[in-house]
């Protein structure tokens, strides 16, 4: 029996790289997977590659309403949520050392890599979503 049979996973930033590989592996291991990805086409490609009823939801992880909507859509589709994998993040060609990076690039990275990760947990813990790991809505 696959290790994740009967589980539902929510993966941010699964349009490529580590997130895509994780989505494909989780699906292969039996999980139903929801891909939360800002690049809709990349998310759809990953969903197709992963199979096993994987869905892609265009999501901006720096927007609490977008993230809440994506998690709600996942629970509505699969009835529960067991695994959260916060993978969204990354740099751009303007990225550099903290001293040399343009200030707007620094704040972009902070918003995506730090604030996005905070929201991921906050939507679950502070707002509560029924169907997630047996937790009740708060």
N, C-alpha and C. Protein backbone atom coordinates (compact mmCIF):
# COMPACT_ATOMS: atom_id res chain seq x y z
N UNK A 1 0.84 -1.17 0.00
CA UNK A 1 0.00 0.00 0.00
C UNK A 1 0.89 1.25 0.00
N UNK A 2 0.61 2.21 -0.89
CA UNK A 2 1.41 3.44 -0.93
C UNK A 2 1.37 4.18 0.41
N UNK A 3 2.48 4.84 0.75
CA UNK A 3 2.63 5.49 2.05
C UNK A 3 1.64 6.62 2.30
N UNK A 4 1.14 7.27 1.26
CA UNK A 4 0.23 8.40 1.46
C UNK A 4 -1.19 8.11 1.01
N UNK A 5 -1.53 6.85 0.86
CA UNK A 5 -2.89 6.47 0.46
C UNK A 5 -3.89 7.03 1.46
N UNK A 6 -4.94 7.65 0.93
CA UNK A 6 -5.98 8.21 1.78
C UNK A 6 -5.68 9.59 2.32
N UNK A 7 -4.52 10.15 2.00
CA UNK A 7 -4.13 11.47 2.49
C UNK A 7 -4.35 12.51 1.39
N UNK A 8 -4.54 13.76 1.82
CA UNK A 8 -4.67 14.88 0.90
C UNK A 8 -3.57 15.88 1.23
N UNK A 9 -2.82 16.27 0.21
CA UNK A 9 -1.69 17.19 0.39
C UNK A 9 -1.95 18.50 -0.35
N UNK A 10 -1.53 19.60 0.27
CA UNK A 10 -1.62 20.94 -0.29
C UNK A 10 -0.20 21.45 -0.42
N UNK A 11 0.23 21.72 -1.66
CA UNK A 11 1.62 22.11 -1.91
C UNK A 11 1.64 23.46 -2.60
N UNK A 12 2.32 24.43 -1.97
CA UNK A 12 2.46 25.75 -2.60
C UNK A 12 3.72 25.73 -3.47
N UNK A 13 3.68 26.50 -4.55
CA UNK A 13 4.85 26.64 -5.41
C UNK A 13 5.25 25.34 -6.08
N UNK A 14 4.28 24.60 -6.58
CA UNK A 14 4.57 23.30 -7.20
C UNK A 14 4.57 23.37 -8.72
N UNK A 15 4.76 24.55 -9.27
CA UNK A 15 4.78 24.69 -10.73
C UNK A 15 6.06 24.20 -11.37
N UNK A 16 7.11 24.06 -10.58
CA UNK A 16 8.39 23.56 -11.11
C UNK A 16 9.28 23.14 -9.95
N UNK A 17 10.44 22.65 -10.26
CA UNK A 17 11.48 22.34 -9.28
C UNK A 17 11.06 21.38 -8.18
N UNK A 18 11.45 21.71 -6.94
CA UNK A 18 11.20 20.85 -5.78
C UNK A 18 9.70 20.65 -5.57
N UNK A 19 8.91 21.71 -5.72
CA UNK A 19 7.47 21.59 -5.54
C UNK A 19 6.84 20.63 -6.54
N UNK A 20 7.26 20.72 -7.79
CA UNK A 20 6.74 19.80 -8.82
C UNK A 20 7.14 18.36 -8.49
N UNK A 21 8.40 18.16 -8.14
CA UNK A 21 8.86 16.81 -7.80
C UNK A 21 8.10 16.26 -6.60
N UNK A 22 7.84 17.11 -5.61
CA UNK A 22 7.09 16.68 -4.43
C UNK A 22 5.68 16.28 -4.81
N UNK A 23 5.01 17.09 -5.63
CA UNK A 23 3.64 16.77 -6.06
C UNK A 23 3.59 15.43 -6.78
N UNK A 24 4.52 15.21 -7.68
CA UNK A 24 4.55 13.96 -8.43
C UNK A 24 4.80 12.78 -7.49
N UNK A 25 5.75 12.92 -6.57
CA UNK A 25 6.05 11.85 -5.61
C UNK A 25 4.86 11.58 -4.70
N UNK A 26 4.25 12.63 -4.15
CA UNK A 26 3.11 12.43 -3.25
C UNK A 26 1.97 11.73 -3.98
N UNK A 27 1.70 12.12 -5.21
CA UNK A 27 0.64 11.46 -5.99
C UNK A 27 0.99 10.00 -6.25
N UNK A 28 2.24 9.74 -6.59
CA UNK A 28 2.69 8.37 -6.82
C UNK A 28 2.54 7.53 -5.56
N UNK A 29 2.71 8.17 -4.40
CA UNK A 29 2.58 7.47 -3.12
C UNK A 29 1.13 7.41 -2.63
N UNK A 30 0.19 7.83 -3.48
CA UNK A 30 -1.23 7.64 -3.19
C UNK A 30 -1.99 8.86 -2.70
N UNK A 31 -1.33 9.98 -2.48
CA UNK A 31 -2.04 11.18 -1.99
C UNK A 31 -2.83 11.83 -3.11
N UNK A 32 -3.93 12.44 -2.73
CA UNK A 32 -4.63 13.39 -3.59
C UNK A 32 -3.91 14.71 -3.35
N UNK A 33 -3.56 15.42 -4.40
CA UNK A 33 -2.71 16.60 -4.27
C UNK A 33 -3.41 17.83 -4.84
N UNK A 34 -3.31 18.93 -4.09
CA UNK A 34 -3.73 20.24 -4.57
C UNK A 34 -2.49 21.10 -4.71
N UNK A 35 -2.31 21.65 -5.90
CA UNK A 35 -1.16 22.50 -6.20
C UNK A 35 -1.62 23.95 -6.14
N UNK A 36 -1.04 24.71 -5.23
CA UNK A 36 -1.32 26.14 -5.10
C UNK A 36 -0.17 26.89 -5.76
N UNK A 37 -0.43 27.45 -6.93
CA UNK A 37 0.65 28.00 -7.76
C UNK A 37 0.18 29.30 -8.41
N UNK A 38 1.00 30.34 -8.34
CA UNK A 38 0.63 31.62 -8.95
C UNK A 38 0.68 31.55 -10.47
N UNK A 39 1.58 30.74 -11.02
CA UNK A 39 1.68 30.56 -12.47
C UNK A 39 0.74 29.43 -12.88
N UNK A 40 -0.47 29.80 -13.29
CA UNK A 40 -1.53 28.82 -13.54
C UNK A 40 -1.12 27.73 -14.53
N UNK A 41 -0.47 28.10 -15.63
CA UNK A 41 -0.07 27.11 -16.63
C UNK A 41 0.91 26.09 -16.05
N UNK A 42 1.88 26.56 -15.28
CA UNK A 42 2.85 25.65 -14.66
C UNK A 42 2.16 24.73 -13.67
N UNK A 43 1.21 25.25 -12.91
CA UNK A 43 0.46 24.42 -11.98
C UNK A 43 -0.33 23.34 -12.70
N UNK A 44 -0.97 23.70 -13.80
CA UNK A 44 -1.73 22.72 -14.60
C UNK A 44 -0.81 21.64 -15.17
N UNK A 45 0.38 22.04 -15.63
CA UNK A 45 1.33 21.07 -16.16
C UNK A 45 1.74 20.07 -15.07
N UNK A 46 2.00 20.57 -13.87
CA UNK A 46 2.37 19.68 -12.77
C UNK A 46 1.22 18.75 -12.44
N UNK A 47 0.00 19.27 -12.40
CA UNK A 47 -1.17 18.43 -12.10
C UNK A 47 -1.29 17.30 -13.12
N UNK A 48 -1.06 17.62 -14.39
CA UNK A 48 -1.12 16.60 -15.44
C UNK A 48 -0.02 15.55 -15.24
N UNK A 49 1.17 15.99 -14.92
CA UNK A 49 2.29 15.06 -14.71
C UNK A 49 2.07 14.18 -13.48
N UNK A 50 1.48 14.75 -12.45
CA UNK A 50 1.28 14.01 -11.19
C UNK A 50 0.17 12.98 -11.31
N UNK A 51 -0.90 13.32 -12.01
CA UNK A 51 -2.03 12.40 -12.11
C UNK A 51 -2.74 12.20 -10.78
N UNK A 52 -3.42 11.08 -10.61
CA UNK A 52 -4.10 10.71 -9.37
C UNK A 52 -5.05 11.81 -8.88
N UNK A 53 -5.79 12.41 -9.82
CA UNK A 53 -6.78 13.45 -9.50
C UNK A 53 -6.17 14.74 -8.97
N UNK A 54 -4.88 14.96 -9.20
CA UNK A 54 -4.24 16.19 -8.74
C UNK A 54 -4.92 17.40 -9.37
N UNK A 55 -5.13 18.43 -8.56
CA UNK A 55 -5.74 19.67 -9.06
C UNK A 55 -4.75 20.82 -8.90
N UNK A 56 -4.89 21.81 -9.76
CA UNK A 56 -4.09 23.03 -9.67
C UNK A 56 -5.03 24.20 -9.39
N UNK A 57 -4.64 25.04 -8.45
CA UNK A 57 -5.44 26.19 -8.08
C UNK A 57 -4.53 27.41 -8.15
N UNK A 58 -4.88 28.38 -9.00
CA UNK A 58 -4.07 29.60 -9.06
C UNK A 58 -4.18 30.29 -7.70
N UNK A 59 -3.02 30.47 -7.06
CA UNK A 59 -2.99 31.00 -5.70
C UNK A 59 -1.82 31.96 -5.54
N UNK A 60 -2.09 33.10 -4.90
CA UNK A 60 -1.05 34.03 -4.50
C UNK A 60 -0.83 33.82 -3.01
N UNK A 61 0.27 33.19 -2.62
CA UNK A 61 0.50 32.86 -1.21
C UNK A 61 0.76 34.08 -0.35
N UNK A 62 0.92 35.25 -0.97
CA UNK A 62 1.09 36.48 -0.18
C UNK A 62 -0.24 37.19 0.06
N UNK A 63 -1.33 36.61 -0.42
CA UNK A 63 -2.67 37.18 -0.27
C UNK A 63 -3.51 36.24 0.60
N UNK A 64 -3.84 36.64 1.83
CA UNK A 64 -4.58 35.75 2.72
C UNK A 64 -5.88 35.22 2.12
N UNK A 65 -6.62 36.06 1.40
CA UNK A 65 -7.88 35.60 0.81
C UNK A 65 -7.65 34.56 -0.28
N UNK A 66 -6.62 34.74 -1.08
CA UNK A 66 -6.29 33.78 -2.13
C UNK A 66 -5.91 32.43 -1.52
N UNK A 67 -5.09 32.49 -0.49
CA UNK A 67 -4.65 31.26 0.18
C UNK A 67 -5.82 30.56 0.86
N UNK A 68 -6.67 31.31 1.56
CA UNK A 68 -7.84 30.74 2.21
C UNK A 68 -8.76 30.08 1.18
N UNK A 69 -8.97 30.75 0.06
CA UNK A 69 -9.82 30.21 -1.00
C UNK A 69 -9.26 28.91 -1.55
N UNK A 70 -7.94 28.85 -1.75
CA UNK A 70 -7.32 27.64 -2.28
C UNK A 70 -7.43 26.48 -1.30
N UNK A 71 -7.24 26.76 -0.02
CA UNK A 71 -7.37 25.69 0.98
C UNK A 71 -8.82 25.22 1.05
N UNK A 72 -9.75 26.16 1.01
CA UNK A 72 -11.17 25.80 1.03
C UNK A 72 -11.51 24.94 -0.19
N UNK A 73 -11.02 25.32 -1.37
CA UNK A 73 -11.28 24.55 -2.59
C UNK A 73 -10.72 23.13 -2.47
N UNK A 74 -9.57 23.00 -1.82
CA UNK A 74 -8.97 21.68 -1.62
C UNK A 74 -9.84 20.81 -0.73
N UNK A 75 -10.28 21.37 0.38
CA UNK A 75 -11.13 20.62 1.31
C UNK A 75 -12.48 20.32 0.66
N UNK A 76 -13.03 21.26 -0.10
CA UNK A 76 -14.29 21.02 -0.79
C UNK A 76 -14.16 19.88 -1.79
N UNK A 77 -13.04 19.82 -2.50
CA UNK A 77 -12.83 18.79 -3.53
C UNK A 77 -12.55 17.41 -2.92
N UNK A 78 -11.66 17.37 -1.92
CA UNK A 78 -11.20 16.09 -1.40
C UNK A 78 -11.75 15.72 -0.02
N UNK A 79 -12.45 16.66 0.64
CA UNK A 79 -13.09 16.35 1.90
C UNK A 79 -12.23 16.48 3.14
N UNK A 80 -10.97 16.73 2.97
CA UNK A 80 -10.04 16.84 4.10
C UNK A 80 -8.72 17.41 3.63
N UNK A 81 -7.83 17.64 4.58
CA UNK A 81 -6.47 18.08 4.26
C UNK A 81 -5.55 17.57 5.36
N UNK A 82 -4.55 16.80 4.96
CA UNK A 82 -3.65 16.16 5.92
C UNK A 82 -2.23 16.70 5.90
N UNK A 83 -1.76 17.12 4.73
CA UNK A 83 -0.36 17.50 4.57
C UNK A 83 -0.27 18.90 3.99
N UNK A 84 0.49 19.77 4.64
CA UNK A 84 0.77 21.10 4.12
C UNK A 84 2.26 21.17 3.79
N UNK A 85 2.58 21.50 2.55
CA UNK A 85 3.98 21.62 2.14
C UNK A 85 4.18 23.03 1.61
N UNK A 86 4.81 23.88 2.39
CA UNK A 86 5.04 25.27 1.99
C UNK A 86 6.33 25.35 1.18
N UNK A 87 6.19 25.36 -0.12
CA UNK A 87 7.34 25.33 -1.00
C UNK A 87 7.51 26.63 -1.80
N UNK A 88 6.49 27.48 -1.84
CA UNK A 88 6.56 28.70 -2.64
C UNK A 88 7.70 29.59 -2.16
N UNK A 89 8.39 30.16 -3.09
CA UNK A 89 9.50 31.05 -2.77
C UNK A 89 10.41 31.16 -3.96
N UNK A 90 11.47 31.89 -3.79
CA UNK A 90 12.44 31.97 -4.88
C UNK A 90 13.00 33.36 -5.06
N UNK A 91 13.89 33.45 -6.01
CA UNK A 91 14.58 34.69 -6.28
C UNK A 91 14.39 35.08 -7.74
N UNK A 92 14.83 36.27 -8.05
CA UNK A 92 14.79 36.74 -9.43
C UNK A 92 16.21 37.12 -9.85
N UNK A 93 16.35 37.56 -11.07
CA UNK A 93 17.67 37.96 -11.57
C UNK A 93 18.21 39.17 -10.81
N UNK A 94 17.35 39.94 -10.14
CA UNK A 94 17.80 41.10 -9.37
C UNK A 94 18.30 40.73 -7.98
N UNK A 95 18.08 39.49 -7.57
CA UNK A 95 18.50 39.05 -6.25
C UNK A 95 20.02 39.16 -6.12
N UNK A 96 20.47 39.50 -4.95
CA UNK A 96 21.89 39.69 -4.69
C UNK A 96 22.09 39.56 -3.19
N UNK A 97 23.22 39.94 -2.70
CA UNK A 97 23.44 39.94 -1.25
C UNK A 97 22.52 40.97 -0.62
N UNK A 98 22.31 40.86 0.69
CA UNK A 98 21.45 41.82 1.40
C UNK A 98 21.96 43.25 1.22
N UNK A 99 23.24 43.41 1.06
CA UNK A 99 23.83 44.75 0.90
C UNK A 99 23.62 45.29 -0.51
N UNK A 100 23.68 44.42 -1.51
CA UNK A 100 23.65 44.87 -2.90
C UNK A 100 22.30 44.75 -3.59
N UNK A 101 21.37 43.98 -3.04
CA UNK A 101 20.07 43.81 -3.70
C UNK A 101 19.28 45.11 -3.64
N UNK A 102 18.56 45.42 -4.72
CA UNK A 102 17.68 46.59 -4.67
C UNK A 102 16.64 46.40 -3.56
N UNK A 103 16.26 47.46 -2.92
CA UNK A 103 15.33 47.39 -1.80
C UNK A 103 14.00 46.75 -2.18
N UNK A 104 13.49 47.05 -3.38
CA UNK A 104 12.22 46.44 -3.78
C UNK A 104 12.36 44.92 -3.96
N UNK A 105 13.52 44.45 -4.38
CA UNK A 105 13.76 43.01 -4.50
C UNK A 105 13.82 42.37 -3.11
N UNK A 106 14.45 43.04 -2.17
CA UNK A 106 14.50 42.56 -0.79
C UNK A 106 13.08 42.37 -0.25
N UNK A 107 12.23 43.38 -0.40
CA UNK A 107 10.87 43.29 0.12
C UNK A 107 10.04 42.26 -0.64
N UNK A 108 10.28 42.09 -1.93
CA UNK A 108 9.57 41.05 -2.69
C UNK A 108 9.90 39.68 -2.11
N UNK A 109 11.19 39.45 -1.84
CA UNK A 109 11.62 38.16 -1.29
C UNK A 109 11.06 37.95 0.11
N UNK A 110 11.06 38.99 0.93
CA UNK A 110 10.51 38.87 2.29
C UNK A 110 9.02 38.56 2.23
N UNK A 111 8.31 39.24 1.35
CA UNK A 111 6.86 39.03 1.24
C UNK A 111 6.55 37.60 0.80
N UNK A 112 7.28 37.10 -0.19
CA UNK A 112 7.03 35.76 -0.69
C UNK A 112 7.57 34.69 0.25
N UNK A 113 8.82 34.79 0.62
CA UNK A 113 9.48 33.70 1.36
C UNK A 113 9.14 33.67 2.84
N UNK A 114 8.94 34.81 3.46
CA UNK A 114 8.67 34.85 4.89
C UNK A 114 7.19 35.05 5.17
N UNK A 115 6.61 36.13 4.63
CA UNK A 115 5.20 36.41 4.87
C UNK A 115 4.31 35.32 4.29
N UNK A 116 4.65 34.82 3.09
CA UNK A 116 3.87 33.74 2.49
C UNK A 116 3.87 32.50 3.36
N UNK A 117 5.00 32.17 3.95
CA UNK A 117 5.08 31.01 4.85
C UNK A 117 4.26 31.25 6.11
N UNK A 118 4.33 32.45 6.65
CA UNK A 118 3.54 32.80 7.83
C UNK A 118 2.05 32.66 7.54
N UNK A 119 1.60 33.17 6.40
CA UNK A 119 0.19 33.08 6.05
C UNK A 119 -0.27 31.64 5.91
N UNK A 120 0.58 30.81 5.34
CA UNK A 120 0.24 29.40 5.15
C UNK A 120 -0.20 28.78 6.47
N UNK A 121 0.57 28.98 7.52
CA UNK A 121 0.20 28.47 8.83
C UNK A 121 -0.93 29.25 9.46
N UNK A 122 -0.94 30.56 9.25
CA UNK A 122 -1.94 31.42 9.87
C UNK A 122 -3.35 31.09 9.40
N UNK A 123 -3.50 30.82 8.11
CA UNK A 123 -4.82 30.48 7.58
C UNK A 123 -5.36 29.24 8.28
N UNK A 124 -4.48 28.30 8.57
CA UNK A 124 -4.90 27.07 9.25
C UNK A 124 -5.15 27.34 10.73
N UNK A 125 -4.19 27.89 11.41
CA UNK A 125 -4.26 28.02 12.87
C UNK A 125 -5.19 29.12 13.34
N UNK A 126 -5.13 30.28 12.72
CA UNK A 126 -5.92 31.41 13.21
C UNK A 126 -7.33 31.43 12.66
N UNK A 127 -7.48 31.13 11.40
CA UNK A 127 -8.80 31.18 10.79
C UNK A 127 -9.53 29.85 10.93
N UNK A 128 -8.75 28.78 10.91
CA UNK A 128 -9.35 27.46 11.01
C UNK A 128 -10.12 27.10 9.76
N UNK A 129 -9.98 25.90 9.33
CA UNK A 129 -10.71 25.39 8.18
C UNK A 129 -11.14 23.98 8.54
N UNK A 130 -12.44 23.72 8.52
CA UNK A 130 -12.92 22.39 8.84
C UNK A 130 -12.37 21.37 7.84
N UNK A 131 -12.07 20.20 8.33
CA UNK A 131 -11.60 19.13 7.47
C UNK A 131 -10.09 19.01 7.40
N UNK A 132 -9.38 19.88 8.11
CA UNK A 132 -7.92 19.84 8.05
C UNK A 132 -7.42 19.07 9.26
N UNK A 133 -6.86 17.91 9.02
CA UNK A 133 -6.26 17.10 10.06
C UNK A 133 -7.15 16.90 11.28
N UNK A 134 -8.47 16.97 11.08
CA UNK A 134 -9.38 16.77 12.19
C UNK A 134 -9.61 18.01 13.03
N UNK A 135 -8.97 19.14 12.68
CA UNK A 135 -9.18 20.37 13.46
C UNK A 135 -10.51 20.98 13.12
N UNK A 136 -11.18 21.52 14.10
CA UNK A 136 -12.47 22.19 13.88
C UNK A 136 -12.24 23.67 13.57
N UNK A 137 -13.21 24.26 12.92
CA UNK A 137 -13.14 25.69 12.62
C UNK A 137 -13.12 26.45 13.95
N UNK A 138 -12.21 27.43 14.06
CA UNK A 138 -12.12 28.23 15.29
C UNK A 138 -12.92 29.50 15.19
